[in-house]
Amino acid sequence: MTTGKDRQKQLAREHYERQMQRRVEREQKAKRTAIIGSTVGVVIVVGGIVAAVAMLGGGDTATEAAASPSASPADTAAAPPSAGPKPYDAAAGTCDYVPDTAGGQVKDVGMPPAKVKNTPATKTMTLKTNLGDIVVELNNAKAPCTTNSLEFLAKKKFYDGSKCHRLGSAQFPMLQCGDPTAKADGKSQDGAGGPGYVMAEENLQGAQYKRGVMAMAKTQAPGSTGSQFFLVFGDIGLTPDYTPVGTITKGLDILDKVNKAGVIADMGDGTGAPKQTVEIKDVTIAGKS
């Protein structure tokens, strides 16, 4: 015969099991969407708070985060091959793009050409969105492999129709985009999509992530930059691990508007899918004389 005390114990046990299940789900979700650790993610500890750093995770899979003064973006698609891609070879003028073995969701458009030019020094990227144009001056001189990859993906219409899936708070002021499979509905496992290849990080010397910077998401592992990127509308105290590829010259007002609208639901790290949908309609990149 079940007593009242037995019933209380059962309820307490069930409550505890539910708490543990929710905790596991939160941890799994955090790992999937860690920073700009592409939203492909990397979870970063910010002032004692675990923050997603998914690409700012690269590829496009989220991985365990590194300690940092603020949350980071990451691709949630996986870590790169053990050998890792090589950095830009200035003498040969070549980049090393290697298959991403992380196992994330891939929109396969092939590999960018290995031979690149780091001239002109800058190129102009225009993100046509449902809220207006966001224009970025890409630093082709210091991030030629990243710029070449972005140009390749733009020509392949890789980003067309994709939604920016992760918005940070005042503590982590950035909007993360570049997952071609993201639904940005606050329910999906966004941040795991990428192009199926990764590259080495660039332009890290003295890198700072201040208002107006566009940088690439990645996992915690070196050489895990993929297609995901984050647009900074405040100042983020990240360690210099994410390729700062350009500077936003138009559209910061759009980011401020999106930030003001907030997130659908906080993932527990101060970030979430933006309430104000940001859909990338088209991306073009042009040289600058």
C-alpha atoms as a PDB file:
ATOM      1  CA  MET A   1       0.000   0.000   0.000  1.00  0.00           C
ATOM      2  CA  THR A   2       1.414   3.371  -1.066  1.00  0.00           C
ATOM      3  CA  THR A   3       1.633   5.901   1.752  1.00  0.00           C
ATOM      4  CA  GLY A   4       1.606   9.692   1.526  1.00  0.00           C
ATOM      5  CA  LYS A   5       5.293   9.688   2.378  1.00  0.00           C
ATOM      6  CA  ASP A   6       6.050   7.236  -0.452  1.00  0.00           C
ATOM      7  CA  ARG A   7       4.079   9.390  -2.847  1.00  0.00           C
ATOM      8  CA  GLN A   8       6.056  12.475  -1.786  1.00  0.00           C
ATOM      9  CA  LYS A   9       9.304  10.609  -2.370  1.00  0.00           C
ATOM     10  CA  GLN A  10       8.128   9.543  -5.811  1.00  0.00           C
ATOM     11  CA  LEU A  11       7.142  13.088  -6.748  1.00  0.00           C
ATOM     12  CA  ALA A  12      10.451  14.412  -5.471  1.00  0.00           C
ATOM     13  CA  ARG A  13      12.329  11.806  -7.483  1.00  0.00           C
ATOM     14  CA  GLU A  14      10.357  12.623 -10.636  1.00  0.00           C
ATOM     15  CA  HIS A  15      10.967  16.347 -10.103  1.00  0.00           C
ATOM     16  CA  TYR A  16      14.689  15.717  -9.725  1.00  0.00           C
ATOM     17  CA  GLU A  17      14.754  13.568 -12.874  1.00  0.00           C
ATOM     18  CA  ARG A  18      12.985  16.306 -14.835  1.00  0.00           C
ATOM     19  CA  GLN A  19      15.499  18.871 -13.575  1.00  0.00           C
ATOM     20  CA  MET A  20      18.395  16.646 -14.634  1.00  0.00           C
ATOM     21  CA  GLN A  21      16.849  16.056 -18.054  1.00  0.00           C
ATOM     22  CA  ARG A  22      16.374  19.792 -18.595  1.00  0.00           C
ATOM     23  CA  ARG A  23      19.960  20.390 -17.500  1.00  0.00           C
ATOM     24  CA  VAL A  24      21.266  17.810 -19.983  1.00  0.00           C
ATOM     25  CA  GLU A  25      19.157  19.365 -22.751  1.00  0.00           C
ATOM     26  CA  ARG A  26      20.447  22.848 -21.894  1.00  0.00           C
ATOM     27  CA  GLU A  27      24.049  21.632 -21.924  1.00  0.00           C
ATOM     28  CA  GLN A  28      23.573  19.834 -25.224  1.00  0.00           C
ATOM     29  CA  LYS A  29      21.953  22.916 -26.736  1.00  0.00           C
ATOM     30  CA  ALA A  30      24.755  25.125 -25.435  1.00  0.00           C
ATOM     31  CA  LYS A  31      27.343  22.848 -27.001  1.00  0.00           C
ATOM     32  CA  ARG A  32      25.480  22.906 -30.290  1.00  0.00           C
ATOM     33  CA  THR A  33      25.296  26.656 -30.410  1.00  0.00           C
ATOM     34  CA  ALA A  34      28.433  27.801 -28.713  1.00  0.00           C
ATOM     35  CA  ILE A  35      30.199  30.937 -30.286  1.00  0.00           C
ATOM     36  CA  ILE A  36      30.812  32.494 -32.567  1.00  0.00           C
ATOM     37  CA  GLY A  37      32.242  29.471 -31.895  1.00  0.00           C
ATOM     38  CA  SER A  38      30.002  29.247 -35.493  1.00  0.00           C
ATOM     39  CA  THR A  39      27.156  29.424 -33.830  1.00  0.00           C
ATOM     40  CA  VAL A  40      28.960  25.718 -35.163  1.00  0.00           C
ATOM     41  CA  GLY A  41      29.658  26.411 -31.719  1.00  0.00           C
ATOM     42  CA  VAL A  42      31.969  26.898 -28.913  1.00  0.00           C
ATOM     43  CA  VAL A  43      30.767  27.534 -25.410  1.00  0.00           C
ATOM     44  CA  ILE A  44      32.677  30.277 -23.656  1.00  0.00           C
ATOM     45  CA  VAL A  45      32.737  31.038 -19.977  1.00  0.00           C
ATOM     46  CA  VAL A  46      32.077  34.716 -19.511  1.00  0.00           C
ATOM     47  CA  GLY A  47      32.573  36.089 -16.057  1.00  0.00           C
ATOM     48  CA  GLY A  48      31.505  32.765 -14.639  1.00  0.00           C
ATOM     49  CA  ILE A  49      28.578  32.495 -17.058  1.00  0.00           C
ATOM     50  CA  VAL A  50      28.637  29.824 -19.740  1.00  0.00           C
ATOM     51  CA  ALA A  51      28.033  31.580 -23.029  1.00  0.00           C
ATOM     52  CA  ALA A  52      27.559  30.046 -26.436  1.00  0.00           C
ATOM     53  CA  VAL A  53      30.353  30.661 -28.831  1.00  0.00           C
ATOM     54  CA  ALA A  54      29.182  28.587 -31.683  1.00  0.00           C
ATOM     55  CA  MET A  55      30.603  29.989 -34.855  1.00  0.00           C
ATOM     56  CA  LEU A  56      31.711  32.210 -33.756  1.00  0.00           C
ATOM     57  CA  GLY A  57      31.872  28.373 -34.104  1.00  0.00           C
ATOM     58  CA  GLY A  58      33.063  27.263 -37.290  1.00  0.00           C
ATOM     59  CA  GLY A  59      31.443  24.818 -39.422  1.00  0.00           C
ATOM     60  CA  ASP A  60      29.484  24.818 -38.200  1.00  0.00           C
ATOM     61  CA  THR A  61      29.383  22.683 -35.007  1.00  0.00           C
ATOM     62  CA  ALA A  62      29.428  23.891 -31.477  1.00  0.00           C
ATOM     63  CA  THR A  63      32.185  22.672 -29.241  1.00  0.00           C
ATOM     64  CA  GLU A  64      33.316  23.158 -25.685  1.00  0.00           C
ATOM     65  CA  ALA A  65      34.083  26.796 -24.926  1.00  0.00           C
ATOM     66  CA  ALA A  66      37.192  28.509 -23.810  1.00  0.00           C
ATOM     67  CA  ALA A  67      37.427  30.914 -20.956  1.00  0.00           C
ATOM     68  CA  SER A  68      36.749  34.454 -22.114  1.00  0.00           C
ATOM     69  CA  PRO A  69      35.502  37.730 -20.723  1.00  0.00           C
ATOM     70  CA  SER A  70      32.425  37.407 -22.866  1.00  0.00           C
ATOM     71  CA  ALA A  71      30.408  34.953 -24.834  1.00  0.00           C
ATOM     72  CA  SER A  72      31.648  34.062 -28.226  1.00  0.00           C
ATOM     73  CA  PRO A  73      30.106  33.160 -31.535  1.00  0.00           C
ATOM     74  CA  ALA A  74      30.800  29.790 -33.046  1.00  0.00           C
ATOM     75  CA  ASP A  75      29.929  27.514 -35.869  1.00  0.00           C
ATOM     76  CA  THR A  76      28.221  24.509 -34.508  1.00  0.00           C
ATOM     77  CA  ALA A  77      29.521  22.186 -37.005  1.00  0.00           C
ATOM     78  CA  ALA A  78      32.464  20.278 -35.868  1.00  0.00           C
ATOM     79  CA  ALA A  79      36.137  20.403 -35.268  1.00  0.00           C
ATOM     80  CA  PRO A  80      38.513  20.303 -38.213  1.00  0.00           C
ATOM     81  CA  PRO A  81      40.733  17.378 -39.189  1.00  0.00           C
ATOM     82  CA  SER A  82      43.587  16.712 -36.779  1.00  0.00           C
ATOM     83  CA  ALA A  83      46.184  18.026 -39.243  1.00  0.00           C
ATOM     84  CA  GLY A  84      44.206  21.215 -39.707  1.00  0.00           C
ATOM     85  CA  PRO A  85      44.242  23.623 -42.623  1.00  0.00           C
ATOM     86  CA  LYS A  86      47.434  25.555 -43.287  1.00  0.00           C
ATOM     87  CA  PRO A  87      47.523  29.359 -43.133  1.00  0.00           C
ATOM     88  CA  TYR A  88      47.782  31.558 -46.202  1.00  0.00           C
ATOM     89  CA  ASP A  89      50.985  30.952 -48.176  1.00  0.00           C
ATOM     90  CA  ALA A  90      52.033  34.443 -49.236  1.00  0.00           C
ATOM     91  CA  ALA A  91      54.862  33.216 -51.472  1.00  0.00           C
ATOM     92  CA  ALA A  92      52.613  30.913 -53.473  1.00  0.00           C
ATOM     93  CA  GLY A  93      49.469  33.006 -53.058  1.00  0.00           C
ATOM     94  CA  THR A  94      47.452  29.984 -51.964  1.00  0.00           C
ATOM     95  CA  CYS A  95      44.928  29.096 -49.282  1.00  0.00           C
ATOM     96  CA  ASP A  96      44.271  25.706 -47.735  1.00  0.00           C
ATOM     97  CA  TYR A  97      40.622  24.686 -47.593  1.00  0.00           C
ATOM     98  CA  VAL A  98      40.045  21.208 -46.158  1.00  0.00           C
ATOM     99  CA  PRO A  99      36.943  19.040 -45.664  1.00  0.00           C
ATOM    100  CA  ASP A 100      35.121  19.599 -42.381  1.00  0.00           C
ATOM    101  CA  THR A 101      34.894  16.228 -40.683  1.00  0.00           C
ATOM    102  CA  ALA A 102      32.694  17.497 -37.868  1.00  0.00           C
ATOM    103  CA  GLY A 103      29.507  16.071 -39.281  1.00  0.00           C
ATOM    104  CA  GLY A 104      27.337  19.182 -39.272  1.00  0.00           C
ATOM    105  CA  GLN A 105      24.594  19.951 -41.798  1.00  0.00           C
ATOM    106  CA  VAL A 106      26.306  20.691 -45.097  1.00  0.00           C
ATOM    107  CA  LYS A 107      25.148  22.785 -48.027  1.00  0.00           C
ATOM    108  CA  ASP A 108      27.700  21.484 -50.475  1.00  0.00           C
ATOM    109  CA  VAL A 109      28.747  24.013 -53.105  1.00  0.00           C
ATOM    110  CA  GLY A 110      32.266  22.689 -53.576  1.00  0.00           C
ATOM    111  CA  MET A 111      35.603  24.161 -52.497  1.00  0.00           C
ATOM    112  CA  PRO A 112      36.874  27.699 -53.122  1.00  0.00           C
ATOM    113  CA  PRO A 113      39.845  28.026 -55.490  1.00  0.00           C
ATOM    114  CA  ALA A 114      43.130  27.681 -53.627  1.00  0.00           C
ATOM    115  CA  LYS A 115      44.868  30.381 -55.646  1.00  0.00           C
ATOM    116  CA  VAL A 116      43.951  33.848 -54.390  1.00  0.00           C
ATOM    117  CA  LYS A 117      45.029  37.472 -54.660  1.00  0.00           C
ATOM    118  CA  ASN A 118      45.318  39.741 -51.648  1.00  0.00           C
ATOM    119  CA  THR A 119      44.759  42.734 -53.906  1.00  0.00           C
ATOM    120  CA  PRO A 120      42.871  44.968 -54.011  1.00  0.00           C
ATOM    121  CA  ALA A 121      43.437  45.615 -50.315  1.00  0.00           C
ATOM    122  CA  THR A 122      39.704  45.857 -49.641  1.00  0.00           C
ATOM    123  CA  LYS A 123      36.524  44.491 -51.187  1.00  0.00           C
ATOM    124  CA  THR A 124      32.950  45.513 -50.525  1.00  0.00           C
ATOM    125  CA  MET A 125      30.406  42.939 -49.389  1.00  0.00           C
ATOM    126  CA  THR A 126      26.735  43.853 -49.521  1.00  0.00           C
ATOM    127  CA  LEU A 127      24.258  41.760 -47.563  1.00  0.00           C
ATOM    128  CA  LYS A 128      20.798  42.454 -48.925  1.00  0.00           C
ATOM    129  CA  THR A 129      18.368  41.631 -46.126  1.00  0.00           C
ATOM    130  CA  ASN A 130      14.636  41.982 -45.527  1.00  0.00           C
ATOM    131  CA  LEU A 131      15.491  44.994 -43.318  1.00  0.00           C
ATOM    132  CA  GLY A 132      17.799  46.738 -45.759  1.00  0.00           C
ATOM    133  CA  ASP A 133      21.432  46.529 -46.860  1.00  0.00           C
ATOM    134  CA  ILE A 134      24.315  45.779 -44.533  1.00  0.00           C
ATOM    135  CA  VAL A 135      27.599  46.754 -46.193  1.00  0.00           C
ATOM    136  CA  VAL A 136      30.997  45.498 -45.024  1.00  0.00           C
ATOM    137  CA  GLU A 137      34.452  46.549 -46.174  1.00  0.00           C
ATOM    138  CA  LEU A 138      36.392  43.284 -46.265  1.00  0.00           C
ATOM    139  CA  ASN A 139      40.101  43.315 -45.415  1.00  0.00           C
ATOM    140  CA  ASN A 140      41.395  41.330 -48.370  1.00  0.00           C
ATOM    141  CA  ALA A 141      45.015  42.272 -47.641  1.00  0.00           C
ATOM    142  CA  LYS A 142      45.068  40.716 -44.170  1.00  0.00           C
ATOM    143  CA  ALA A 143      42.361  38.059 -44.551  1.00  0.00           C
ATOM    144  CA  PRO A 144      42.663  36.905 -48.186  1.00  0.00           C
ATOM    145  CA  CYS A 145      41.570  33.294 -47.605  1.00  0.00           C
ATOM    146  CA  THR A 146      38.494  34.319 -45.643  1.00  0.00           C
ATOM    147  CA  THR A 147      37.596  36.996 -48.186  1.00  0.00           C
ATOM    148  CA  ASN A 148      38.085  34.505 -51.014  1.00  0.00           C
ATOM    149  CA  SER A 149      35.802  32.014 -49.257  1.00  0.00           C
ATOM    150  CA  LEU A 150      33.091  34.611 -48.700  1.00  0.00           C
ATOM    151  CA  GLU A 151      33.298  35.672 -52.341  1.00  0.00           C
ATOM    152  CA  PHE A 152      33.070  32.048 -53.482  1.00  0.00           C
ATOM    153  CA  LEU A 153      30.038  31.366 -51.279  1.00  0.00           C
ATOM    154  CA  ALA A 154      28.361  34.577 -52.421  1.00  0.00           C
ATOM    155  CA  LYS A 155      28.763  33.594 -56.091  1.00  0.00           C
ATOM    156  CA  LYS A 156      27.308  30.164 -55.299  1.00  0.00           C
ATOM    157  CA  LYS A 157      24.242  31.818 -53.684  1.00  0.00           C
ATOM    158  CA  PHE A 158      25.145  29.914 -50.507  1.00  0.00           C
ATOM    159  CA  TYR A 159      23.745  32.546 -48.149  1.00  0.00           C
ATOM    160  CA  ASP A 160      20.612  33.402 -50.148  1.00  0.00           C
ATOM    161  CA  GLY A 161      17.461  32.774 -48.118  1.00  0.00           C
ATOM    162  CA  SER A 162      19.347  32.071 -44.884  1.00  0.00           C
ATOM    163  CA  LYS A 163      18.364  33.624 -41.560  1.00  0.00           C
ATOM    164  CA  CYS A 164      20.578  35.101 -38.873  1.00  0.00           C
ATOM    165  CA  HIS A 165      19.992  32.689 -36.008  1.00  0.00           C
ATOM    166  CA  ARG A 166      21.682  34.081 -32.901  1.00  0.00           C
ATOM    167  CA  LEU A 167      21.456  37.437 -31.185  1.00  0.00           C
ATOM    168  CA  GLY A 168      23.496  38.402 -28.146  1.00  0.00           C
ATOM    169  CA  SER A 169      22.564  40.683 -25.278  1.00  0.00           C
ATOM    170  CA  ALA A 170      24.257  43.850 -24.051  1.00  0.00           C
ATOM    171  CA  GLN A 171      26.902  41.575 -22.513  1.00  0.00           C
ATOM    172  CA  PHE A 172      27.514  39.867 -25.842  1.00  0.00           C
ATOM    173  CA  PRO A 173      26.361  42.350 -28.522  1.00  0.00           C
ATOM    174  CA  MET A 174      26.476  40.483 -31.808  1.00  0.00           C
ATOM    175  CA  LEU A 175      24.235  38.967 -34.471  1.00  0.00           C
ATOM    176  CA  GLN A 176      25.400  35.633 -35.858  1.00  0.00           C
ATOM    177  CA  CYS A 177      24.557  34.533 -39.381  1.00  0.00           C
ATOM    178  CA  GLY A 178      25.825  32.173 -42.068  1.00  0.00           C
ATOM    179  CA  ASP A 179      24.125  28.859 -41.251  1.00  0.00           C
ATOM    180  CA  PRO A 180      22.244  28.107 -44.500  1.00  0.00           C
ATOM    181  CA  THR A 181      19.970  25.642 -42.684  1.00  0.00           C
ATOM    182  CA  ALA A 182      18.990  27.894 -39.752  1.00  0.00           C
ATOM    183  CA  LYS A 183      15.290  28.448 -39.064  1.00  0.00           C
ATOM    184  CA  ALA A 184      15.856  31.117 -36.385  1.00  0.00           C
ATOM    185  CA  ASP A 185      12.625  30.171 -34.638  1.00  0.00           C
ATOM    186  CA  GLY A 186      13.982  29.622 -31.143  1.00  0.00           C
ATOM    187  CA  LYS A 187      13.184  25.917 -31.382  1.00  0.00           C
ATOM    188  CA  SER A 188      15.539  24.488 -33.979  1.00  0.00           C
ATOM    189  CA  GLN A 189      19.094  23.276 -33.513  1.00  0.00           C
ATOM    190  CA  ASP A 190      20.486  26.211 -35.455  1.00  0.00           C
ATOM    191  CA  GLY A 191      24.203  26.785 -35.836  1.00  0.00           C
ATOM    192  CA  ALA A 192      25.149  23.373 -37.206  1.00  0.00           C
ATOM    193  CA  GLY A 193      25.088  24.280 -40.895  1.00  0.00           C
ATOM    194  CA  GLY A 194      28.095  25.031 -43.040  1.00  0.00           C
ATOM    195  CA  PRO A 195      29.790  24.599 -46.423  1.00  0.00           C
ATOM    196  CA  GLY A 196      31.535  21.315 -45.673  1.00  0.00           C
ATOM    197  CA  TYR A 197      35.010  22.837 -45.492  1.00  0.00           C
ATOM    198  CA  VAL A 198      37.090  24.801 -42.985  1.00  0.00           C
ATOM    199  CA  MET A 199      40.092  27.104 -43.143  1.00  0.00           C
ATOM    200  CA  ALA A 200      42.734  28.628 -40.904  1.00  0.00           C
ATOM    201  CA  GLU A 201      42.018  31.829 -38.978  1.00  0.00           C
ATOM    202  CA  GLU A 202      43.627  35.066 -40.168  1.00  0.00           C
ATOM    203  CA  ASN A 203      44.363  38.624 -39.092  1.00  0.00           C
ATOM    204  CA  LEU A 204      44.448  37.711 -35.399  1.00  0.00           C
ATOM    205  CA  GLN A 205      47.371  39.918 -34.346  1.00  0.00           C
ATOM    206  CA  GLY A 206      45.879  42.519 -32.011  1.00  0.00           C
ATOM    207  CA  ALA A 207      42.348  41.556 -33.036  1.00  0.00           C
ATOM    208  CA  GLN A 208      39.566  43.373 -31.199  1.00  0.00           C
ATOM    209  CA  TYR A 209      35.831  42.884 -31.525  1.00  0.00           C
ATOM    210  CA  LYS A 210      34.382  46.344 -31.225  1.00  0.00           C
ATOM    211  CA  ARG A 211      31.204  47.884 -32.616  1.00  0.00           C
ATOM    212  CA  GLY A 212      31.246  47.647 -36.391  1.00  0.00           C
ATOM    213  CA  VAL A 213      33.470  44.582 -36.720  1.00  0.00           C
ATOM    214  CA  MET A 214      32.517  41.550 -38.782  1.00  0.00           C
ATOM    215  CA  ALA A 215      34.325  38.403 -37.675  1.00  0.00           C
ATOM    216  CA  MET A 216      34.090  34.708 -38.429  1.00  0.00           C
ATOM    217  CA  ALA A 217      32.620  32.154 -36.072  1.00  0.00           C
ATOM    218  CA  LYS A 218      34.536  29.005 -35.232  1.00  0.00           C
ATOM    219  CA  THR A 219      34.827  26.192 -32.742  1.00  0.00           C
ATOM    220  CA  GLN A 220      37.350  26.196 -29.957  1.00  0.00           C
ATOM    221  CA  ALA A 221      39.786  24.304 -32.161  1.00  0.00           C
ATOM    222  CA  PRO A 222      42.179  26.229 -34.416  1.00  0.00           C
ATOM    223  CA  GLY A 223      41.479  26.010 -38.134  1.00  0.00           C
ATOM    224  CA  SER A 224      37.722  25.583 -37.766  1.00  0.00           C
ATOM    225  CA  THR A 225      36.447  28.694 -39.536  1.00  0.00           C
ATOM    226  CA  GLY A 226      33.615  27.931 -41.943  1.00  0.00           C
ATOM    227  CA  SER A 227      30.752  29.992 -43.349  1.00  0.00           C
ATOM    228  CA  GLN A 228      29.252  31.482 -40.188  1.00  0.00           C
ATOM    229  CA  PHE A 229      30.067  35.022 -39.130  1.00  0.00           C
ATOM    230  CA  PHE A 230      29.013  37.560 -36.517  1.00  0.00           C
ATOM    231  CA  LEU A 231      28.272  41.257 -36.789  1.00  0.00           C
ATOM    232  CA  VAL A 232      29.239  43.255 -33.701  1.00  0.00           C
ATOM    233  CA  PHE A 233      27.044  46.169 -32.600  1.00  0.00           C
ATOM    234  CA  GLY A 234      28.752  46.766 -29.236  1.00  0.00           C
ATOM    235  CA  ASP A 235      32.155  45.911 -27.773  1.00  0.00           C
ATOM    236  CA  ILE A 236      32.943  42.260 -26.996  1.00  0.00           C
ATOM    237  CA  GLY A 237      35.951  41.266 -24.917  1.00  0.00           C
ATOM    238  CA  LEU A 238      36.789  38.113 -26.860  1.00  0.00           C
ATOM    239  CA  THR A 239      40.250  36.635 -27.066  1.00  0.00           C
ATOM    240  CA  PRO A 240      41.852  37.162 -30.516  1.00  0.00           C
ATOM    241  CA  ASP A 241      40.825  33.805 -31.947  1.00  0.00           C
ATOM    242  CA  TYR A 242      38.159  34.767 -34.479  1.00  0.00           C
ATOM    243  CA  THR A 243      39.110  36.169 -37.878  1.00  0.00           C
ATOM    244  CA  PRO A 244      38.171  39.876 -38.040  1.00  0.00           C
ATOM    245  CA  VAL A 245      37.408  39.978 -41.747  1.00  0.00           C
ATOM    246  CA  GLY A 246      35.901  43.408 -42.158  1.00  0.00           C
ATOM    247  CA  THR A 247      34.264  46.598 -40.945  1.00  0.00           C
ATOM    248  CA  ILE A 248      30.563  47.430 -41.225  1.00  0.00           C
ATOM    249  CA  THR A 249      30.185  50.699 -43.129  1.00  0.00           C
ATOM    250  CA  LYS A 250      26.403  50.661 -43.449  1.00  0.00           C
ATOM    251  CA  GLY A 251      23.619  48.920 -41.556  1.00  0.00           C
ATOM    252  CA  LEU A 252      24.576  49.281 -37.907  1.00  0.00           C
ATOM    253  CA  ASP A 253      21.167  50.914 -37.424  1.00  0.00           C
ATOM    254  CA  ILE A 254      19.611  47.651 -38.614  1.00  0.00           C
ATOM    255  CA  LEU A 255      21.567  45.695 -36.010  1.00  0.00           C
ATOM    256  CA  ASP A 256      20.501  48.182 -33.316  1.00  0.00           C
ATOM    257  CA  LYS A 257      16.867  47.692 -34.352  1.00  0.00           C
ATOM    258  CA  VAL A 258      17.190  43.918 -34.178  1.00  0.00           C
ATOM    259  CA  ASN A 259      18.903  44.164 -30.809  1.00  0.00           C
ATOM    260  CA  LYS A 260      16.140  46.374 -29.445  1.00  0.00           C
ATOM    261  CA  ALA A 261      13.505  43.775 -30.378  1.00  0.00           C
ATOM    262  CA  GLY A 262      15.284  41.146 -28.278  1.00  0.00           C
ATOM    263  CA  VAL A 263      15.289  37.358 -28.516  1.00  0.00           C
ATOM    264  CA  ILE A 264      12.508  34.800 -28.787  1.00  0.00           C
ATOM    265  CA  ALA A 265      13.897  32.820 -25.877  1.00  0.00           C
ATOM    266  CA  ASP A 266      17.197  33.024 -24.003  1.00  0.00           C
ATOM    267  CA  MET A 267      19.170  29.806 -24.485  1.00  0.00           C
ATOM    268  CA  GLY A 268      20.596  30.252 -21.016  1.00  0.00           C
ATOM    269  CA  ASP A 269      23.768  32.010 -22.149  1.00  0.00           C
ATOM    270  CA  GLY A 270      22.359  35.456 -22.890  1.00  0.00           C
ATOM    271  CA  THR A 271      21.767  34.687 -26.573  1.00  0.00           C
ATOM    272  CA  GLY A 272      18.843  33.420 -28.608  1.00  0.00           C
ATOM    273  CA  ALA A 273      17.063  33.599 -31.939  1.00  0.00           C
ATOM    274  CA  PRO A 274      16.165  37.236 -32.696  1.00  0.00           C
ATOM    275  CA  LYS A 275      12.492  38.223 -32.477  1.00  0.00           C
ATOM    276  CA  GLN A 276      13.036  40.511 -35.458  1.00  0.00           C
ATOM    277  CA  THR A 277      13.752  38.162 -38.351  1.00  0.00           C
ATOM    278  CA  VAL A 278      16.846  38.967 -40.388  1.00  0.00           C
ATOM    279  CA  GLU A 279      16.832  37.079 -43.689  1.00  0.00           C
ATOM    280  CA  ILE A 280      19.697  37.381 -46.134  1.00  0.00           C
ATOM    281  CA  LYS A 281      18.230  37.719 -49.606  1.00  0.00           C
ATOM    282  CA  ASP A 282      21.460  38.069 -51.566  1.00  0.00           C
ATOM    283  CA  VAL A 283      25.176  38.632 -51.059  1.00  0.00           C
ATOM    284  CA  THR A 284      27.485  40.366 -53.512  1.00  0.00           C
ATOM    285  CA  ILE A 285      31.177  41.153 -53.232  1.00  0.00           C
ATOM    286  CA  ALA A 286      32.960  43.653 -55.429  1.00  0.00           C
ATOM    287  CA  GLY A 287      36.561  44.844 -55.644  1.00  0.00           C
ATOM    288  CA  LYS A 288      37.418  48.390 -54.618  1.00  0.00           C
ATOM    289  CA  SER A 289      39.736  50.581 -56.653  1.00  0.00           C
END
